[in-house]
C-alpha cells in the first residue's frame, strides 16, 4: 500500500472504528463483559447486531467495528494481523465498502496473528479496546500508518504509555490481560475451524453471509457482491479452486499451476482478460468460449520471489459478469542467496565452453546443496573456507562441441528434515561468445517441488 493510502486509512479509521468525541481518557476505565458467546441464543437475542460464524457468535458492540450498523444492516468481519500488508489492503477495501453502504454495512475487526510480535500487538490493542475505545481508535490510526509500530510491540507500548500514562497502562494490562488472551484464543480457534473450508490458516480472512474468503478481494465491488450473496456472483465464470496454497516453497524457484475454470451460466462465456500479480504469467489460456455448465483449463507460471516470508497474490478473471478471483498463498523459504541468477559462458577457437566468472551461492541455513546440468556438460560447486559460500561454474565436457549450451542449471536443496524435503531452485544460463552476446530462451521448466 502506498504512503498516501496509509495516511488515508489512518485518518479514516479513527473516525470509522469509533465515533470520537469528548475526553480522550475515560476515568475510571470500565470493562464490558462477554466478549464472545457460543450457540444460537446470542444471535437471536442480538438480532442483526451479531455475526454467527460456525459455533461462534460475535456481537457488534463487543469488538472493534468499522462503521455504524443501522437497523436492518448487515454485519461482516475481517480477521487481520497488524504485521500483514495484505490484511492492511483488505481493511482498506472494507472501509471503502462501508463508506459506500453507509449504515447498511459494518465490519468487525477480529484479531488474528501469524507470529509472536503479531500476537503481542493484538493483545495490547485488545486490552486498550476493553479499557477505552476512544483511545483504541486513536492508536489504531497511528498503528496502521506506522511501519515501525506494526513490527515492534515495544514501539506500540511506548505510544500507548505516552497517551494514557505508564502507571495506567500497567494497571490496564493487569486488569484486562486475561480477557484479551481469551479473545485471542477464540479467534485462533475460529481460524482453525475456518482452515477446513479454505485449506489453511492464511490471513487475512473476509467473512460475509457465513462464507469465508482468504486474501485481498479483487476490488470493492467484488467484496460488496460477497456481502449481497453468492447467487449473482456464481452466474459467470468461476475458478473451481478459489484458493491455492503452495505450502513452503523455495525463493527464486518456479511453480506451474494448472487451473480449472467453470461456466455456471446458461450461455457460452469467454474470459475478457486476466489480472495477474507480479511474478505470475499466463502460459496457456482456454481455447475459445467455455460452454454452459462446462469447464476449461489454463496454465499459470509463478516465479517465486527472492524475498522470504508469507506470499499472497490474487489472480482475477475478468469479463462482463462479476469477476472471479483466486488467491495464491505460500510460505517462501530462502535457504540460499545468489549473487546473480545468470551464468556467462565463453569459449576460444574450438575449445570447450566454460564459465567466464563463477557465481556466488551463499547458504542462509544449514542445508545440503548440489548442482545438476545436462549430461554432456560438467558443473562444479566449490565450497569456500567458511562452508557457507560456494562458487558455481559449468563447462562443456568435450572440445569443439557445436551444440548450444544448456539453458538451465538446477540447484538441489535438501533441508535435512521431513518438514523440508528436497526442493529445486532453477538458475538460468545466458550464452555470451567472444564475437556476440545473445540470450538463450529458457526451456519449459517443471513445477517447483512443494516442501509440504
Protein backbone atom coordinates (compact mmCIF):
# COMPACT_ATOMS: atom_id res chain seq x y z
CA UNK A 1 0.00 0.00 0.00
CA UNK A 2 1.22 3.47 -0.85
CA UNK A 3 2.10 6.07 1.76
CA UNK A 4 -0.92 8.16 0.77
CA UNK A 5 -3.23 5.17 1.21
CA UNK A 6 -1.77 4.51 4.64
CA UNK A 7 -2.38 8.11 5.67
CA UNK A 8 -5.94 7.90 4.36
CA UNK A 9 -6.61 4.72 6.35
CA UNK A 10 -5.03 6.22 9.46
CA UNK A 11 -7.27 9.29 9.24
CA UNK A 12 -10.50 7.50 8.34
CA UNK A 13 -10.07 4.56 10.71
CA UNK A 14 -10.03 6.89 13.70
CA UNK A 15 -13.47 8.12 12.71
CA UNK A 16 -14.85 4.82 11.45
CA UNK A 17 -13.77 2.46 14.23
CA UNK A 18 -15.36 4.53 16.99
CA UNK A 19 -17.17 7.87 16.69
CA UNK A 20 -14.84 10.16 18.60
CA UNK A 21 -15.88 12.93 20.87
CA UNK A 22 -15.46 14.08 24.47
CA UNK A 23 -12.48 13.39 26.67
CA UNK A 24 -9.78 11.09 25.35
CA UNK A 25 -9.38 9.11 28.57
CA UNK A 26 -12.45 7.99 30.48
CA UNK A 27 -11.80 7.62 34.21
CA UNK A 28 -12.26 5.10 35.61
CA UNK A 29 -11.81 2.62 32.76
CA UNK A 30 -14.81 0.26 32.59
CA UNK A 31 -14.62 -3.22 31.11
CA UNK A 32 -17.51 -4.56 29.04
CA UNK A 33 -18.13 -8.23 29.86
CA UNK A 34 -18.97 -11.07 27.44
CA UNK A 35 -16.60 -10.72 24.52
CA UNK A 36 -17.64 -13.87 22.61
CA UNK A 37 -20.69 -16.07 23.06
CA UNK A 38 -21.34 -19.57 21.75
CA UNK A 39 -24.59 -21.03 20.42
CA UNK A 40 -27.68 -19.71 18.67
CA UNK A 41 -29.18 -17.89 21.64
CA UNK A 42 -26.81 -14.92 21.39
CA UNK A 43 -27.50 -14.50 17.70
CA UNK A 44 -31.25 -14.46 18.23
CA UNK A 45 -31.11 -12.02 21.13
CA UNK A 46 -28.69 -9.63 19.41
CA UNK A 47 -30.61 -9.54 16.10
CA UNK A 48 -28.69 -8.04 13.20
CA UNK A 49 -26.01 -6.78 15.59
CA UNK A 50 -24.35 -10.20 15.71
CA UNK A 51 -22.44 -12.36 13.24
CA UNK A 52 -22.56 -16.15 13.56
CA UNK A 53 -19.51 -17.98 12.20
CA UNK A 54 -19.75 -21.70 12.85
CA UNK A 55 -20.20 -22.16 16.60
CA UNK A 56 -19.05 -18.62 17.39
CA UNK A 57 -21.26 -15.56 17.67
CA UNK A 58 -19.66 -12.11 17.62
CA UNK A 59 -21.70 -9.15 18.82
CA UNK A 60 -21.04 -5.82 17.15
CA UNK A 61 -20.87 -3.87 20.42
CA UNK A 62 -18.09 -6.08 21.79
CA UNK A 63 -15.40 -5.82 19.11
CA UNK A 64 -13.69 -3.05 17.11
CA UNK A 65 -16.05 -2.09 14.32
CA UNK A 66 -15.68 -0.22 11.02
CA UNK A 67 -18.79 1.85 10.51
CA UNK A 68 -22.13 2.18 12.29
CA UNK A 69 -24.66 -0.63 11.96
CA UNK A 70 -28.17 0.68 11.36
CA UNK A 71 -31.46 -1.14 11.68
CA UNK A 72 -31.66 -3.95 9.10
CA UNK A 73 -27.97 -3.59 8.19
CA UNK A 74 -25.53 -6.45 7.62
CA UNK A 75 -22.50 -7.37 9.68
CA UNK A 76 -19.33 -8.79 8.10
CA UNK A 77 -15.84 -9.41 9.51
CA UNK A 78 -12.14 -9.19 8.72
CA UNK A 79 -9.64 -11.37 10.58
CA UNK A 80 -6.42 -9.40 10.38
CA UNK A 81 -2.81 -9.29 11.55
CA UNK A 82 -1.13 -5.92 12.12
CA UNK A 83 2.16 -7.27 10.68
CA UNK A 84 0.45 -8.35 7.42
CA UNK A 85 0.45 -5.96 4.45
CA UNK A 86 -2.38 -7.81 2.71
CA UNK A 87 -4.51 -7.50 5.86
CA UNK A 88 -3.96 -3.77 5.56
CA UNK A 89 -5.27 -3.82 1.98
CA UNK A 90 -8.36 -5.85 2.89
CA UNK A 91 -9.21 -3.49 5.77
CA UNK A 92 -8.91 -0.59 3.35
CA UNK A 93 -11.35 -2.31 0.98
CA UNK A 94 -13.73 -2.93 3.89
CA UNK A 95 -13.52 0.75 4.84
CA UNK A 96 -14.44 1.81 1.29
CA UNK A 97 -17.29 -0.72 1.19
CA UNK A 98 -18.71 0.63 4.45
CA UNK A 99 -18.49 4.18 3.09
CA UNK A 100 -20.49 3.12 0.01
CA UNK A 101 -23.20 1.36 2.02
CA UNK A 102 -23.43 3.87 4.87
CA UNK A 103 -25.23 2.29 7.87
CA UNK A 104 -26.41 -0.79 5.94
CA UNK A 105 -22.98 -2.43 6.42
CA UNK A 106 -20.47 -2.59 9.26
CA UNK A 107 -17.35 -4.75 9.54
CA UNK A 108 -15.93 -6.37 12.66
CA UNK A 109 -12.13 -6.27 13.06
CA UNK A 110 -11.17 -9.61 14.62
CA UNK A 111 -7.59 -10.07 15.91
CA UNK A 112 -5.53 -12.76 14.20
CA UNK A 113 -1.76 -13.22 14.18
CA UNK A 114 0.97 -15.28 12.49
CA UNK A 115 3.94 -14.54 14.76
CA UNK A 116 4.83 -13.68 18.36
CA UNK A 117 5.19 -9.94 17.59
CA UNK A 118 1.82 -10.06 15.80
CA UNK A 119 0.19 -11.68 18.82
CA UNK A 120 1.64 -9.14 21.25
CA UNK A 121 0.43 -6.26 19.07
CA UNK A 122 -3.07 -7.73 19.03
CA UNK A 123 -3.01 -8.36 22.79
CA UNK A 124 -2.09 -4.77 23.56
CA UNK A 125 -4.76 -3.45 21.21
CA UNK A 126 -7.43 -5.73 22.72
CA UNK A 127 -6.52 -4.55 26.23
CA UNK A 128 -6.75 -0.97 25.01
CA UNK A 129 -10.14 -1.62 23.38
CA UNK A 130 -11.51 -3.13 26.59
CA UNK A 131 -10.11 -0.22 28.61
CA UNK A 132 -11.09 2.76 26.45
CA UNK A 133 -12.48 2.55 22.93
CA UNK A 134 -11.77 6.13 22.01
CA UNK A 135 -8.08 5.76 22.86
CA UNK A 136 -8.11 2.45 20.98
CA UNK A 137 -9.45 4.20 17.86
CA UNK A 138 -6.79 6.91 18.09
CA UNK A 139 -3.94 4.42 18.49
CA UNK A 140 -5.41 2.23 15.72
CA UNK A 141 -5.00 5.15 13.34
CA UNK A 142 -1.38 5.68 14.42
CA UNK A 143 -0.55 1.98 14.28
CA UNK A 144 -1.87 1.43 10.76
CA UNK A 145 0.20 4.26 9.34
CA UNK A 146 3.50 3.44 11.08
CA UNK A 147 5.80 0.76 9.64
CA UNK A 148 7.90 0.67 12.83
CA UNK A 149 4.98 0.16 15.20
CA UNK A 150 3.47 -2.71 13.21
CA UNK A 151 6.70 -4.69 13.61
CA UNK A 152 7.69 -3.75 17.16
CA UNK A 153 5.31 -4.26 20.13
CA UNK A 154 7.62 -2.14 22.29
CA UNK A 155 7.12 0.83 19.98
CA UNK A 156 3.36 0.38 20.31
CA UNK A 157 3.64 0.17 24.10
CA UNK A 158 5.61 3.43 24.17
CA UNK A 159 2.88 5.19 22.18
CA UNK A 160 0.15 3.87 24.47
CA UNK A 161 2.05 4.82 27.62
CA UNK A 162 2.67 8.28 26.18
CA UNK A 163 -1.08 8.63 25.66
CA UNK A 164 -2.57 7.16 28.85
CA UNK A 165 0.40 7.16 31.24
CA UNK A 166 2.78 4.33 32.23
CA UNK A 167 1.06 3.53 35.54
CA UNK A 168 -2.41 3.50 33.98
CA UNK A 169 -1.25 1.19 31.21
CA UNK A 170 0.29 -1.28 33.66
CA UNK A 171 -2.99 -1.28 35.56
CA UNK A 172 -4.94 -1.91 32.35
CA UNK A 173 -2.70 -4.83 31.38
CA UNK A 174 -3.14 -6.38 34.82
CA UNK A 175 -6.90 -5.89 34.75
CA UNK A 176 -7.74 -6.82 31.16
CA UNK A 177 -4.82 -9.02 30.06
CA UNK A 178 -6.54 -12.32 30.80
CA UNK A 179 -9.64 -11.35 28.88
CA UNK A 180 -7.51 -10.20 25.94
CA UNK A 181 -5.83 -13.64 25.96
CA UNK A 182 -9.27 -15.31 25.92
CA UNK A 183 -10.35 -13.20 22.95
CA UNK A 184 -7.20 -14.10 21.01
CA UNK A 185 -7.72 -17.78 21.84
CA UNK A 186 -11.26 -17.56 20.49
CA UNK A 187 -10.11 -16.06 17.20
CA UNK A 188 -7.34 -18.65 16.97
CA UNK A 189 -9.98 -21.38 17.35
CA UNK A 190 -12.09 -19.67 14.69
CA UNK A 191 -9.13 -19.57 12.26
CA UNK A 192 -8.50 -23.27 12.93
CA UNK A 193 -12.18 -24.01 12.25
CA UNK A 194 -12.06 -21.98 9.02
CA UNK A 195 -8.95 -23.88 7.90
CA UNK A 196 -11.14 -26.80 6.86
CA UNK A 197 -13.06 -24.51 4.47
CA UNK A 198 -10.17 -22.54 2.97
CA UNK A 199 -7.36 -25.10 3.12
CA UNK A 200 -5.13 -23.44 5.72
CA UNK A 201 -4.72 -20.73 8.33
CA UNK A 202 -3.81 -17.95 5.91
CA UNK A 203 -4.66 -14.32 6.70
CA UNK A 204 -6.40 -12.03 6.07
CA UNK A 205 -9.84 -13.63 6.04
CA UNK A 206 -13.02 -11.92 4.88
CA UNK A 207 -16.30 -13.30 6.27
CA UNK A 208 -19.70 -12.38 4.83
CA UNK A 209 -23.03 -14.25 4.95
CA UNK A 210 -21.36 -17.23 6.59
CA UNK A 211 -18.82 -17.62 3.76
CA UNK A 212 -15.07 -17.37 4.44
CA UNK A 213 -12.74 -15.90 1.80
CA UNK A 214 -8.95 -15.66 2.02
CA UNK A 215 -6.95 -12.67 0.87
CA UNK A 216 -7.48 -9.26 -0.62
CA UNK A 217 -10.59 -9.17 -2.82
CA UNK A 218 -10.28 -8.28 -6.48
CA UNK A 219 -11.95 -4.91 -5.86
CA UNK A 220 -14.51 -3.28 -3.58
CA UNK A 221 -17.38 -4.25 -5.89
CA UNK A 222 -16.43 -7.92 -5.54
CA UNK A 223 -16.34 -7.52 -1.76
CA UNK A 224 -19.82 -5.99 -1.82
CA UNK A 225 -21.11 -8.78 -4.07
CA UNK A 226 -19.97 -11.22 -1.39
CA UNK A 227 -21.90 -9.18 1.18
CA UNK A 228 -25.00 -9.34 -1.02
CA UNK A 229 -24.78 -13.12 -1.51
CA UNK A 230 -23.42 -15.73 -3.88
CA UNK A 231 -26.30 -16.01 -6.37
CA UNK A 232 -25.27 -13.23 -8.75
CA UNK A 233 -21.55 -13.92 -8.39
CA UNK A 234 -21.90 -17.56 -9.39
CA UNK A 235 -23.68 -16.94 -12.70
CA UNK A 236 -20.47 -16.38 -14.66
CA UNK A 237 -17.02 -17.91 -14.96
CA UNK A 238 -15.54 -19.14 -11.69
CA UNK A 239 -12.30 -20.77 -10.59
CA UNK A 240 -13.14 -24.25 -9.35
CA UNK A 241 -10.47 -23.85 -6.65
CA UNK A 242 -10.54 -20.24 -5.34
CA UNK A 243 -7.54 -20.83 -3.05
CA UNK A 244 -4.20 -22.43 -3.92
CA UNK A 245 -1.83 -22.97 -1.01
CA UNK A 246 1.64 -23.92 -2.26
CA UNK A 247 2.83 -24.58 1.30
CA UNK A 248 6.54 -23.91 1.75
CA UNK A 249 8.42 -23.08 -1.45
CA UNK A 250 11.99 -22.07 -2.22
CA UNK A 251 12.79 -18.45 -3.04
CA UNK A 252 13.85 -17.96 -6.65
CA UNK A 253 12.14 -21.10 -7.92
CA UNK A 254 9.39 -21.61 -10.49
CA UNK A 255 5.98 -23.19 -9.92
CA UNK A 256 3.50 -24.21 -12.60
CA UNK A 257 -0.19 -24.19 -11.72
CA UNK A 258 -2.97 -25.80 -13.76
CA UNK A 259 -6.34 -24.17 -13.07
CA UNK A 260 -9.89 -25.19 -13.99
CA UNK A 261 -12.49 -22.59 -14.91
CA UNK A 262 -16.20 -23.43 -14.68
CA UNK A 263 -19.02 -21.69 -16.55
CA UNK A 264 -22.03 -21.54 -14.22
CA UNK A 265 -24.20 -19.52 -16.57
CA UNK A 266 -26.71 -20.63 -19.22
CA UNK A 267 -24.71 -19.30 -22.16
CA UNK A 268 -21.15 -19.67 -23.56
CA UNK A 269 -18.67 -17.32 -21.91
CA UNK A 270 -15.08 -16.39 -22.68
CA UNK A 271 -12.65 -14.69 -20.28
CA UNK A 272 -12.38 -11.00 -21.07
CA UNK A 273 -8.86 -10.83 -19.68
CA UNK A 274 -6.61 -11.74 -16.79
CA UNK A 275 -5.25 -9.58 -13.99
CA UNK A 276 -2.15 -11.26 -12.60
CA UNK A 277 0.03 -10.42 -9.58
CA UNK A 278 3.70 -9.62 -10.05
CA UNK A 279 5.74 -12.69 -10.96
CA UNK A 280 2.79 -14.70 -12.34
CA UNK A 281 2.39 -15.21 -16.08
CA UNK A 282 -0.29 -16.86 -18.20
CA UNK A 283 1.27 -19.72 -20.17
CA UNK A 284 -1.86 -21.18 -21.72
CA UNK A 285 -5.37 -19.67 -21.78
CA UNK A 286 -8.61 -21.55 -22.51
CA UNK A 287 -9.15 -22.09 -26.22
CA UNK A 288 -12.41 -20.35 -27.10
CA UNK A 289 -15.62 -19.84 -25.11
CA UNK A 290 -16.49 -22.15 -22.21
CA UNK A 291 -19.85 -23.88 -22.84
CA UNK A 292 -22.69 -23.53 -20.30
CA UNK A 293 -22.06 -25.89 -17.40
CA UNK A 294 -18.68 -26.82 -18.85
CA UNK A 295 -15.08 -26.33 -17.75
CA UNK A 296 -11.84 -25.16 -19.35
CA UNK A 297 -8.18 -25.32 -18.39
CA UNK A 298 -5.46 -22.69 -18.11
CA UNK A 299 -1.82 -22.86 -17.10
CA UNK A 300 -0.09 -20.26 -14.93
CA UNK A 301 3.59 -19.99 -14.05
CA UNK A 302 4.75 -18.35 -10.84
CA UNK A 303 8.30 -17.06 -10.50
CA UNK A 304 8.78 -17.27 -6.75
CA UNK A 305 10.24 -14.02 -5.37
CA UNK A 306 13.63 -13.93 -3.68
CA UNK A 307 12.07 -12.47 -0.50
CA UNK A 308 11.46 -14.81 2.42
CA UNK A 309 8.13 -14.75 4.25
CA UNK A 310 4.42 -15.17 3.57
CA UNK A 311 3.41 -14.58 -0.05
CA UNK A 312 -0.13 -13.81 -1.15
CA UNK A 313 -1.31 -12.85 -4.60
CA UNK A 314 -4.71 -12.58 -6.28
CA UNK A 315 -5.45 -13.81 -9.82
CA UNK A 316 -8.52 -12.18 -11.35
CA UNK A 317 -10.56 -13.46 -14.28
CA UNK A 318 -12.20 -10.50 -16.00
CA UNK A 319 -15.34 -10.31 -18.09
CA UNK A 320 -18.80 -8.78 -18.46
CA UNK A 321 -20.10 -10.72 -15.45
CA UNK A 322 -18.71 -10.09 -11.92
CA UNK A 323 -15.06 -11.09 -11.96
CA UNK A 324 -13.81 -14.29 -10.34
CA UNK A 325 -10.71 -14.39 -8.19
CA UNK A 326 -8.26 -17.00 -6.98
CA UNK A 327 -5.87 -16.44 -4.07
CA UNK A 328 -2.31 -17.79 -4.19
CA UNK A 329 -0.66 -18.36 -0.81
CA UNK A 330 2.82 -19.64 0.05
CA UNK A 331 5.48 -19.53 2.74
CA UNK A 332 8.66 -18.59 0.88
CA UNK A 333 11.74 -20.31 2.29
CA UNK A 334 15.08 -18.74 1.39
CA UNK A 335 17.87 -21.19 2.26
CA UNK A 336 20.28 -19.63 -0.25
CA UNK A 337 21.30 -16.26 -1.64
CA UNK A 338 22.55 -15.96 -5.20
CA UNK A 339 24.92 -13.19 -6.24
CA UNK A 340 23.17 -13.39 -9.62
CA UNK A 341 20.79 -15.74 -11.41
CA UNK A 342 22.79 -15.85 -14.61
CA UNK A 343 25.97 -17.55 -15.75
CA UNK A 344 28.00 -16.08 -18.59
CA UNK A 345 29.72 -18.62 -20.86
CA UNK A 346 32.52 -18.13 -23.34
CA UNK A 347 34.91 -20.18 -25.49
CA UNK A 348 38.01 -19.60 -27.57
CA UNK A 349 38.52 -21.16 -31.02
CA UNK A 350 37.33 -24.79 -30.82
CA UNK A 351 37.93 -25.07 -27.09
CA UNK A 352 35.26 -26.07 -24.58
CA UNK A 353 32.58 -23.73 -23.37
CA UNK A 354 33.27 -22.56 -19.83
CA UNK A 355 32.09 -20.08 -17.23
CA UNK A 356 33.71 -16.68 -17.63
CA UNK A 357 33.13 -15.87 -13.96
CA UNK A 358 31.58 -18.20 -11.37
CA UNK A 359 28.57 -17.03 -9.43
CA UNK A 360 28.48 -16.99 -5.64
CA UNK A 361 25.99 -19.19 -3.78
CA UNK A 362 25.55 -18.35 -0.08
CA UNK A 363 23.71 -20.61 2.35
CA UNK A 364 21.47 -18.80 4.81
CA UNK A 365 20.63 -22.05 6.63
CA UNK A 366 22.40 -25.34 7.21
CA UNK A 367 21.19 -27.29 4.20
CA UNK A 368 22.74 -29.68 1.70
CA UNK A 369 23.14 -28.28 -1.80
CA UNK A 370 24.27 -29.84 -5.08
CA UNK A 371 24.02 -28.83 -8.72
CA UNK A 372 22.93 -30.65 -11.88
CA UNK A 373 23.24 -29.79 -15.56
CA UNK A 374 22.72 -31.51 -18.92
CA UNK A 375 24.55 -34.82 -19.30
CA UNK A 376 27.09 -33.60 -21.86
CA UNK A 377 28.20 -30.77 -19.54
CA UNK A 378 30.04 -30.56 -16.23
CA UNK A 379 29.06 -28.42 -13.24
CA UNK A 380 31.21 -27.66 -10.20
CA UNK A 381 30.08 -26.31 -6.85
CA UNK A 382 33.20 -25.44 -4.86
CA UNK A 383 32.86 -24.79 -1.12
CA UNK A 384 34.87 -21.88 0.26
CA UNK A 385 36.58 -21.92 3.63
CA UNK A 386 33.62 -20.75 5.73
CA UNK A 387 31.43 -23.62 4.48
CA UNK A 388 28.53 -21.26 3.80
CA UNK A 389 29.72 -19.83 0.48
CA UNK A 390 30.17 -21.72 -2.78
CA UNK A 391 31.26 -20.86 -6.30
CA UNK A 392 29.21 -22.33 -9.14
CA UNK A 393 30.75 -22.88 -12.60
CA UNK A 394 29.97 -25.02 -15.68
CA UNK A 395 31.84 -26.18 -18.80
CA UNK A 396 31.22 -28.45 -21.76
CA UNK A 397 32.55 -31.98 -21.40
CA UNK A 398 34.15 -32.10 -24.89
CA UNK A 399 36.05 -29.62 -27.02
CA UNK A 400 34.64 -28.43 -30.32
CA UNK A 401 31.02 -29.02 -29.34
CA UNK A 402 28.77 -27.11 -31.73
CA UNK A 403 25.52 -27.72 -29.87
CA UNK A 404 24.26 -24.72 -27.90
CA UNK A 405 24.87 -24.75 -24.16
CA UNK A 406 22.05 -25.81 -21.82
CA UNK A 407 19.73 -23.06 -20.67
CA UNK A 408 19.20 -24.28 -17.10
CA UNK A 409 21.39 -25.26 -14.17
CA UNK A 410 19.39 -26.82 -11.32
CA UNK A 411 20.34 -26.38 -7.69
CA UNK A 412 19.00 -29.18 -5.47
CA UNK A 413 18.36 -28.15 -1.87
CA UNK A 414 17.93 -30.74 0.91
CA UNK A 415 16.63 -29.26 4.15
CA UNK A 416 17.71 -32.33 6.09
CA UNK A 417 14.33 -32.92 7.75
CA UNK A 418 10.93 -34.36 6.90
CA UNK A 419 9.46 -30.87 7.16
CA UNK A 420 11.76 -29.61 4.41
CA UNK A 421 12.45 -32.36 1.87
CA UNK A 422 14.38 -31.86 -1.33
CA UNK A 423 13.25 -28.92 -3.46
CA UNK A 424 14.63 -27.26 -6.57
CA UNK A 425 15.84 -23.79 -7.44
CA UNK A 426 16.38 -23.07 -11.12
CA UNK A 427 19.29 -20.92 -12.32
CA UNK A 428 19.04 -19.85 -15.99
CA UNK A 429 22.25 -19.63 -18.03
CA UNK A 430 22.89 -16.97 -20.66
CA UNK A 431 25.29 -17.58 -23.56
CA UNK A 432 27.92 -14.98 -24.39
CA UNK A 433 30.64 -15.63 -27.01
CA UNK A 434 33.70 -13.56 -27.85
CA UNK A 435 32.01 -12.31 -31.03
CA UNK A 436 28.45 -11.54 -29.88
CA UNK A 437 26.04 -11.65 -26.98
CA UNK A 438 22.69 -13.35 -27.21
CA UNK A 439 20.16 -14.60 -24.71
CA UNK A 440 19.09 -18.20 -24.77
CA UNK A 441 15.38 -18.79 -24.36
CA UNK A 442 14.92 -20.98 -21.28
CA UNK A 443 13.31 -24.35 -21.92
CA UNK A 444 9.98 -25.10 -20.18
CA UNK A 445 10.67 -25.87 -16.55
CA UNK A 446 8.93 -28.36 -14.27
CA UNK A 447 6.82 -27.28 -11.33
CA UNK A 448 8.72 -26.37 -8.21
CA UNK A 449 8.54 -29.20 -5.70
CA UNK A 450 6.30 -28.30 -2.76
CA UNK A 451 8.08 -28.51 0.56
CA UNK A 452 4.98 -29.53 2.46
